[in-house]
């Protein structure tokens, strides 16, 4: 699942089975770049369906639960 990043969000908001937020750090992630390359074929297909084959795509990924977050427009201009 790819979630929208909230304003000023710096930690993961994905909740576990008990309803507690993950609070893992969010790091920049390049899922379609040849160096990083998403290994899960299901998640890779979901990324390609939503964003296309853009090799310079930048998302944020939680270090703990591996949830992906879309960047808001103002950050897309900064990182893209």
PDB file of N, CA and C in Angstrom:
ATOM      1  N   UNK A   1       0.840  -1.178   0.000  1.00  0.00           N
ATOM      2  CA  UNK A   1       0.000   0.000   0.000  1.00  0.00           C
ATOM      3  C   UNK A   1       0.887   1.243   0.000  1.00  0.00           C
ATOM      4  N   UNK A   2       0.491   2.224  -0.785  1.00  0.00           N
ATOM      5  CA  UNK A   2       1.213   3.483  -0.851  1.00  0.00           C
ATOM      6  C   UNK A   2       0.323   4.556  -0.234  1.00  0.00           C
ATOM      7  N   UNK A   3       0.821   5.198   0.810  1.00  0.00           N
ATOM      8  CA  UNK A   3       0.034   6.189   1.545  1.00  0.00           C
ATOM      9  C   UNK A   3       0.482   7.596   1.158  1.00  0.00           C
ATOM     10  N   UNK A   4      -0.378   8.573   1.417  1.00  0.00           N
ATOM     11  CA  UNK A   4      -0.030   9.978   1.219  1.00  0.00           C
ATOM     12  C   UNK A   4       0.714  10.491   2.444  1.00  0.00           C
ATOM     13  N   UNK A   5       1.752  11.262   2.206  1.00  0.00           N
ATOM     14  CA  UNK A   5       2.509  11.872   3.288  1.00  0.00           C
ATOM     15  C   UNK A   5       1.735  13.076   3.810  1.00  0.00           C
ATOM     16  N   UNK A   6       1.578  13.163   5.108  1.00  0.00           N
ATOM     17  CA  UNK A   6       0.888  14.293   5.729  1.00  0.00           C
ATOM     18  C   UNK A   6       1.855  15.466   5.874  1.00  0.00           C
ATOM     19  N   UNK A   7       1.344  16.698   5.979  1.00  0.00           N
ATOM     20  CA  UNK A   7       2.242  17.842   6.177  1.00  0.00           C
ATOM     21  C   UNK A   7       3.084  17.673   7.439  1.00  0.00           C
ATOM     22  N   UNK A   8       4.362  17.932   7.314  1.00  0.00           N
ATOM     23  CA  UNK A   8       5.345  17.859   8.401  1.00  0.00           C
ATOM     24  C   UNK A   8       5.514  16.465   9.002  1.00  0.00           C
ATOM     25  N   UNK A   9       5.127  15.442   8.290  1.00  0.00           N
ATOM     26  CA  UNK A   9       5.269  14.072   8.782  1.00  0.00           C
ATOM     27  C   UNK A   9       6.700  13.600   8.591  1.00  0.00           C
ATOM     28  N   UNK A  10       7.319  13.068   9.642  1.00  0.00           N
ATOM     29  CA  UNK A  10       8.692  12.571   9.566  1.00  0.00           C
ATOM     30  C   UNK A  10       8.811  11.124  10.024  1.00  0.00           C
ATOM     31  N   UNK A  11       7.742  10.558  10.606  1.00  0.00           N
ATOM     32  CA  UNK A  11       7.741   9.156  11.022  1.00  0.00           C
ATOM     33  C   UNK A  11       6.525   8.449  10.436  1.00  0.00           C
ATOM     34  N   UNK A  12       6.595   7.139  10.395  1.00  0.00           N
ATOM     35  CA  UNK A  12       5.535   6.319   9.813  1.00  0.00           C
ATOM     36  C   UNK A  12       4.272   6.355  10.670  1.00  0.00           C
ATOM     37  N   UNK A  13       3.126   6.397  10.007  1.00  0.00           N
ATOM     38  CA  UNK A  13       1.843   6.422  10.705  1.00  0.00           C
ATOM     39  C   UNK A  13       1.061   5.124  10.516  1.00  0.00           C
ATOM     40  N   UNK A  14       1.674   4.116   9.882  1.00  0.00           N
ATOM     41  CA  UNK A  14       0.993   2.835   9.653  1.00  0.00           C
ATOM     42  C   UNK A  14       0.735   2.150  10.984  1.00  0.00           C
ATOM     43  N   UNK A  15      -0.487   1.656  11.185  1.00  0.00           N
ATOM     44  CA  UNK A  15      -0.843   1.012  12.445  1.00  0.00           C
ATOM     45  C   UNK A  15      -0.752  -0.504  12.318  1.00  0.00           C
ATOM     46  N   UNK A  16      -0.342  -1.148  13.412  1.00  0.00           N
ATOM     47  CA  UNK A  16      -0.251  -2.609  13.431  1.00  0.00           C
ATOM     48  C   UNK A  16      -1.602  -3.221  13.793  1.00  0.00           C
ATOM     49  N   UNK A  17      -1.631  -4.520  14.043  1.00  0.00           N
ATOM     50  CA  UNK A  17      -2.878  -5.214  14.341  1.00  0.00           C
ATOM     51  C   UNK A  17      -3.520  -4.721  15.634  1.00  0.00           C
ATOM     52  N   UNK A  18      -2.733  -4.217  16.558  1.00  0.00           N
ATOM     53  CA  UNK A  18      -3.248  -3.736  17.833  1.00  0.00           C
ATOM     54  C   UNK A  18      -3.630  -2.259  17.780  1.00  0.00           C
ATOM     55  N   UNK A  19      -3.426  -1.607  16.637  1.00  0.00           N
ATOM     56  CA  UNK A  19      -3.782  -0.206  16.476  1.00  0.00           C
ATOM     57  C   UNK A  19      -2.711   0.779  16.898  1.00  0.00           C
ATOM     58  N   UNK A  20      -1.503   0.303  17.153  1.00  0.00           N
ATOM     59  CA  UNK A  20      -0.413   1.193  17.558  1.00  0.00           C
ATOM     60  C   UNK A  20       0.368   1.625  16.324  1.00  0.00           C
ATOM     61  N   UNK A  21       0.686   2.929  16.198  1.00  0.00           N
ATOM     62  CA  UNK A  21       1.472   3.396  15.046  1.00  0.00           C
ATOM     63  C   UNK A  21       2.909   2.879  15.094  1.00  0.00           C
ATOM     64  N   UNK A  22       3.486   2.686  13.919  1.00  0.00           N
ATOM     65  CA  UNK A  22       4.836   2.146  13.780  1.00  0.00           C
ATOM     66  C   UNK A  22       5.893   3.131  14.296  1.00  0.00           C
ATOM     67  N   UNK A  23       5.811   4.394  13.900  1.00  0.00           N
ATOM     68  CA  UNK A  23       6.763   5.452  14.261  1.00  0.00           C
ATOM     69  C   UNK A  23       8.185   5.188  13.769  1.00  0.00           C
ATOM     70  N   UNK A  24       8.336   4.418  12.672  1.00  0.00           N
ATOM     71  CA  UNK A  24       9.655   4.207  12.079  1.00  0.00           C
ATOM     72  C   UNK A  24      10.085   5.438  11.294  1.00  0.00           C
ATOM     73  N   UNK A  25      11.387   5.599  11.098  1.00  0.00           N
ATOM     74  CA  UNK A  25      11.910   6.739  10.344  1.00  0.00           C
ATOM     75  C   UNK A  25      11.588   6.576   8.866  1.00  0.00           C
ATOM     76  N   UNK A  26      11.297   7.691   8.198  1.00  0.00           N
ATOM     77  CA  UNK A  26      11.031   7.697   6.759  1.00  0.00           C
ATOM     78  C   UNK A  26      12.303   8.131   6.034  1.00  0.00           C
ATOM     79  N   UNK A  27      12.684   7.350   5.054  1.00  0.00           N
ATOM     80  CA  UNK A  27      13.889   7.638   4.264  1.00  0.00           C
ATOM     81  C   UNK A  27      13.528   7.728   2.789  1.00  0.00           C
ATOM     82  N   UNK A  28      14.295   8.511   2.041  1.00  0.00           N
ATOM     83  CA  UNK A  28      14.092   8.579   0.591  1.00  0.00           C
ATOM     84  C   UNK A  28      14.349   7.221  -0.023  1.00  0.00           C
ATOM     85  N   UNK A  29      13.540   6.898  -1.037  1.00  0.00           N
ATOM     86  CA  UNK A  29      13.599   5.572  -1.641  1.00  0.00           C
ATOM     87  C   UNK A  29      13.379   5.716  -3.140  1.00  0.00           C
ATOM     88  N   UNK A  30      14.235   5.087  -3.933  1.00  0.00           N
ATOM     89  CA  UNK A  30      14.166   5.116  -5.389  1.00  0.00           C
ATOM     90  C   UNK A  30      13.818   3.706  -5.873  1.00  0.00           C
ATOM     91  N   UNK A  31      12.536   3.347  -5.937  1.00  0.00           N
ATOM     92  CA  UNK A  31      12.156   1.946  -6.188  1.00  0.00           C
ATOM     93  C   UNK A  31      12.460   1.424  -7.582  1.00  0.00           C
ATOM     94  N   UNK A  32      12.555   2.282  -8.582  1.00  0.00           N
ATOM     95  CA  UNK A  32      12.772   1.813  -9.950  1.00  0.00           C
ATOM     96  C   UNK A  32      14.187   2.066 -10.454  1.00  0.00           C
ATOM     97  N   UNK A  33      15.043   2.635  -9.629  1.00  0.00           N
ATOM     98  CA  UNK A  33      16.435   2.857  -9.987  1.00  0.00           C
ATOM     99  C   UNK A  33      17.166   1.515  -9.955  1.00  0.00           C
ATOM    100  N   UNK A  34      18.120   1.327 -10.824  1.00  0.00           N
ATOM    101  CA  UNK A  34      18.797   0.037 -10.925  1.00  0.00           C
ATOM    102  C   UNK A  34      19.570  -0.316  -9.650  1.00  0.00           C
ATOM    103  N   UNK A  35      19.999   0.666  -8.875  1.00  0.00           N
ATOM    104  CA  UNK A  35      20.780   0.396  -7.675  1.00  0.00           C
ATOM    105  C   UNK A  35      19.902  -0.137  -6.536  1.00  0.00           C
ATOM    106  N   UNK A  36      18.755   0.504  -6.275  1.00  0.00           N
ATOM    107  CA  UNK A  36      17.895   0.113  -5.152  1.00  0.00           C
ATOM    108  C   UNK A  36      16.945  -1.004  -5.551  1.00  0.00           C
ATOM    109  N   UNK A  37      16.201  -0.825  -6.618  1.00  0.00           N
ATOM    110  CA  UNK A  37      15.326  -1.821  -7.225  1.00  0.00           C
ATOM    111  C   UNK A  37      14.446  -2.584  -6.228  1.00  0.00           C
ATOM    112  N   UNK A  38      13.170  -2.322  -6.264  1.00  0.00           N
ATOM    113  CA  UNK A  38      12.194  -3.004  -5.410  1.00  0.00           C
ATOM    114  C   UNK A  38      12.210  -4.503  -5.710  1.00  0.00           C
ATOM    115  N   UNK A  39      12.390  -5.333  -4.694  1.00  0.00           N
ATOM    116  CA  UNK A  39      12.511  -6.776  -4.892  1.00  0.00           C
ATOM    117  C   UNK A  39      11.160  -7.501  -4.893  1.00  0.00           C
ATOM    118  N   UNK A  40      10.138  -6.936  -4.259  1.00  0.00           N
ATOM    119  CA  UNK A  40       8.815  -7.561  -4.213  1.00  0.00           C
ATOM    120  C   UNK A  40       8.086  -7.280  -5.526  1.00  0.00           C
ATOM    121  N   UNK A  41       7.792  -8.307  -6.349  1.00  0.00           N
ATOM    122  CA  UNK A  41       7.165  -8.061  -7.649  1.00  0.00           C
ATOM    123  C   UNK A  41       5.761  -7.455  -7.550  1.00  0.00           C
ATOM    124  N   UNK A  42       5.005  -7.791  -6.512  1.00  0.00           N
ATOM    125  CA  UNK A  42       3.674  -7.218  -6.338  1.00  0.00           C
ATOM    126  C   UNK A  42       3.733  -5.724  -6.066  1.00  0.00           C
ATOM    127  N   UNK A  43       4.635  -5.335  -5.174  1.00  0.00           N
ATOM    128  CA  UNK A  43       4.795  -3.921  -4.835  1.00  0.00           C
ATOM    129  C   UNK A  43       5.375  -3.154  -6.020  1.00  0.00           C
ATOM    130  N   UNK A  44       6.306  -3.781  -6.739  1.00  0.00           N
ATOM    131  CA  UNK A  44       6.905  -3.142  -7.923  1.00  0.00           C
ATOM    132  C   UNK A  44       5.835  -2.882  -8.983  1.00  0.00           C
ATOM    133  N   UNK A  45       4.936  -3.857  -9.197  1.00  0.00           N
ATOM    134  CA  UNK A  45       3.841  -3.680 -10.146  1.00  0.00           C
ATOM    135  C   UNK A  45       2.898  -2.561  -9.733  1.00  0.00           C
ATOM    136  N   UNK A  46       2.618  -2.467  -8.443  1.00  0.00           N
ATOM    137  CA  UNK A  46       1.754  -1.402  -7.927  1.00  0.00           C
ATOM    138  C   UNK A  46       2.399  -0.030  -8.153  1.00  0.00           C
ATOM    139  N   UNK A  47       3.700   0.067  -7.946  1.00  0.00           N
ATOM    140  CA  UNK A  47       4.424   1.323  -8.157  1.00  0.00           C
ATOM    141  C   UNK A  47       4.397   1.694  -9.635  1.00  0.00           C
ATOM    142  N   UNK A  48       4.642   0.720 -10.517  1.00  0.00           N
ATOM    143  CA  UNK A  48       4.634   0.981 -11.957  1.00  0.00           C
ATOM    144  C   UNK A  48       3.244   1.388 -12.442  1.00  0.00           C
ATOM    145  N   UNK A  49       2.196   0.763 -11.909  1.00  0.00           N
ATOM    146  CA  UNK A  49       0.829   1.106 -12.305  1.00  0.00           C
ATOM    147  C   UNK A  49       0.486   2.547 -11.936  1.00  0.00           C
ATOM    148  N   UNK A  50       0.932   2.968 -10.765  1.00  0.00           N
ATOM    149  CA  UNK A  50       0.584   4.313 -10.300  1.00  0.00           C
ATOM    150  C   UNK A  50       1.489   5.408 -10.855  1.00  0.00           C
ATOM    151  N   UNK A  51       2.790   5.129 -10.960  1.00  0.00           N
ATOM    152  CA  UNK A  51       3.754   6.173 -11.319  1.00  0.00           C
ATOM    153  C   UNK A  51       4.422   5.974 -12.673  1.00  0.00           C
ATOM    154  N   UNK A  52       4.240   4.838 -13.324  1.00  0.00           N
ATOM    155  CA  UNK A  52       4.893   4.573 -14.602  1.00  0.00           C
ATOM    156  C   UNK A  52       6.309   4.064 -14.407  1.00  0.00           C
ATOM    157  N   UNK A  53       7.102   4.129 -15.474  1.00  0.00           N
ATOM    158  CA  UNK A  53       8.472   3.588 -15.474  1.00  0.00           C
ATOM    159  C   UNK A  53       9.528   4.658 -15.211  1.00  0.00           C
ATOM    160  N   UNK A  54       9.195   5.699 -14.490  1.00  0.00           N
ATOM    161  CA  UNK A  54      10.111   6.801 -14.229  1.00  0.00           C
ATOM    162  C   UNK A  54      11.269   6.340 -13.340  1.00  0.00           C
ATOM    163  N   UNK A  55      12.478   6.293 -13.896  1.00  0.00           N
ATOM    164  CA  UNK A  55      13.659   5.838 -13.146  1.00  0.00           C
ATOM    165  C   UNK A  55      14.072   6.831 -12.059  1.00  0.00           C
ATOM    166  N   UNK A  56      13.637   8.077 -12.156  1.00  0.00           N
ATOM    167  CA  UNK A  56      14.007   9.084 -11.165  1.00  0.00           C
ATOM    168  C   UNK A  56      12.936   9.256 -10.088  1.00  0.00           C
ATOM    169  N   UNK A  57      11.974   8.349 -10.025  1.00  0.00           N
ATOM    170  CA  UNK A  57      10.907   8.420  -9.035  1.00  0.00           C
ATOM    171  C   UNK A  57      11.482   8.363  -7.620  1.00  0.00           C
ATOM    172  N   UNK A  58      11.008   9.263  -6.750  1.00  0.00           N
ATOM    173  CA  UNK A  58      11.430   9.281  -5.353  1.00  0.00           C
ATOM    174  C   UNK A  58      10.194   9.131  -4.481  1.00  0.00           C
ATOM    175  N   UNK A  59      10.210   8.141  -3.615  1.00  0.00           N
ATOM    176  CA  UNK A  59       9.162   7.941  -2.615  1.00  0.00           C
ATOM    177  C   UNK A  59       9.838   7.946  -1.250  1.00  0.00           C
ATOM    178  N   UNK A  60       9.056   7.881  -0.199  1.00  0.00           N
ATOM    179  CA  UNK A  60       9.600   7.704   1.138  1.00  0.00           C
ATOM    180  C   UNK A  60       9.201   6.318   1.617  1.00  0.00           C
ATOM    181  N   UNK A  61      10.098   5.642   2.331  1.00  0.00           N
ATOM    182  CA  UNK A  61       9.808   4.302   2.827  1.00  0.00           C
ATOM    183  C   UNK A  61      10.189   4.219   4.295  1.00  0.00           C
ATOM    184  N   UNK A  62       9.317   3.596   5.085  1.00  0.00           N
ATOM    185  CA  UNK A  62       9.573   3.385   6.504  1.00  0.00           C
ATOM    186  C   UNK A  62      10.665   2.333   6.671  1.00  0.00           C
ATOM    187  N   UNK A  63      11.619   2.594   7.555  1.00  0.00           N
ATOM    188  CA  UNK A  63      12.699   1.642   7.805  1.00  0.00           C
ATOM    189  C   UNK A  63      12.220   0.417   8.580  1.00  0.00           C
ATOM    190  N   UNK A  64      11.133   0.543   9.332  1.00  0.00           N
ATOM    191  CA  UNK A  64      10.655  -0.559  10.171  1.00  0.00           C
ATOM    192  C   UNK A  64       9.687  -1.478   9.430  1.00  0.00           C
ATOM    193  N   UNK A  65       8.568  -0.914   8.927  1.00  0.00           N
ATOM    194  CA  UNK A  65       7.506  -1.748   8.348  1.00  0.00           C
ATOM    195  C   UNK A  65       7.489  -1.721   6.818  1.00  0.00           C
ATOM    196  N   UNK A  66       8.366  -0.931   6.194  1.00  0.00           N
ATOM    197  CA  UNK A  66       8.531  -0.832   4.740  1.00  0.00           C
ATOM    198  C   UNK A  66       7.313  -0.266   4.010  1.00  0.00           C
ATOM    199  N   UNK A  67       6.459   0.493   4.706  1.00  0.00           N
ATOM    200  CA  UNK A  67       5.331   1.171   4.075  1.00  0.00           C
ATOM    201  C   UNK A  67       5.861   2.297   3.195  1.00  0.00           C
ATOM    202  N   UNK A  68       5.278   2.467   2.013  1.00  0.00           N
ATOM    203  CA  UNK A  68       5.688   3.519   1.089  1.00  0.00           C
ATOM    204  C   UNK A  68       4.778   4.728   1.218  1.00  0.00           C
ATOM    205  N   UNK A  69       5.344   5.920   1.045  1.00  0.00           N
ATOM    206  CA  UNK A  69       4.602   7.173   1.118  1.00  0.00           C
ATOM    207  C   UNK A  69       4.879   7.998  -0.132  1.00  0.00           C
ATOM    208  N   UNK A  70       3.811   8.585  -0.707  1.00  0.00           N
ATOM    209  CA  UNK A  70       3.937   9.518  -1.833  1.00  0.00           C
ATOM    210  C   UNK A  70       4.411  10.869  -1.300  1.00  0.00           C
ATOM    211  N   UNK A  71       5.200  11.546  -2.096  1.00  0.00           N
ATOM    212  CA  UNK A  71       5.632  12.886  -1.734  1.00  0.00           C
ATOM    213  C   UNK A  71       4.558  13.898  -2.127  1.00  0.00           C
ATOM    214  N   UNK A  72       4.326  14.938  -1.310  1.00  0.00           N
ATOM    215  CA  UNK A  72       3.441  16.020  -1.737  1.00  0.00           C
ATOM    216  C   UNK A  72       4.093  16.830  -2.853  1.00  0.00           C
ATOM    217  N   UNK A  73       3.314  17.627  -3.550  1.00  0.00           N
ATOM    218  CA  UNK A  73       3.806  18.367  -4.726  1.00  0.00           C
ATOM    219  C   UNK A  73       5.016  19.251  -4.417  1.00  0.00           C
ATOM    220  N   UNK A  74       5.017  19.937  -3.268  1.00  0.00           N
ATOM    221  CA  UNK A  74       6.141  20.837  -2.963  1.00  0.00           C
ATOM    222  C   UNK A  74       7.442  20.062  -2.746  1.00  0.00           C
ATOM    223  N   UNK A  75       7.365  18.837  -2.263  1.00  0.00           N
ATOM    224  CA  UNK A  75       8.580  18.033  -2.109  1.00  0.00           C
ATOM    225  C   UNK A  75       8.984  17.351  -3.405  1.00  0.00           C
ATOM    226  N   UNK A  76       8.033  17.070  -4.286  1.00  0.00           N
ATOM    227  CA  UNK A  76       8.373  16.482  -5.584  1.00  0.00           C
ATOM    228  C   UNK A  76       9.276  17.421  -6.365  1.00  0.00           C
ATOM    229  N   UNK A  77       9.001  18.720  -6.286  1.00  0.00           N
ATOM    230  CA  UNK A  77       9.831  19.703  -6.990  1.00  0.00           C
ATOM    231  C   UNK A  77      11.233  19.745  -6.384  1.00  0.00           C
ATOM    232  N   UNK A  78      11.332  19.582  -5.068  1.00  0.00           N
ATOM    233  CA  UNK A  78      12.616  19.641  -4.384  1.00  0.00           C
ATOM    234  C   UNK A  78      13.474  18.409  -4.687  1.00  0.00           C
ATOM    235  N   UNK A  79      12.882  17.207  -4.634  1.00  0.00           N
ATOM    236  CA  UNK A  79      13.638  15.967  -4.828  1.00  0.00           C
ATOM    237  C   UNK A  79      13.665  15.511  -6.290  1.00  0.00           C
ATOM    238  N   UNK A  80      12.694  15.921  -7.081  1.00  0.00           N
ATOM    239  CA  UNK A  80      12.590  15.422  -8.445  1.00  0.00           C
ATOM    240  C   UNK A  80      13.299  16.267  -9.406  1.00  0.00           C
TER     241      UNK A  80
END
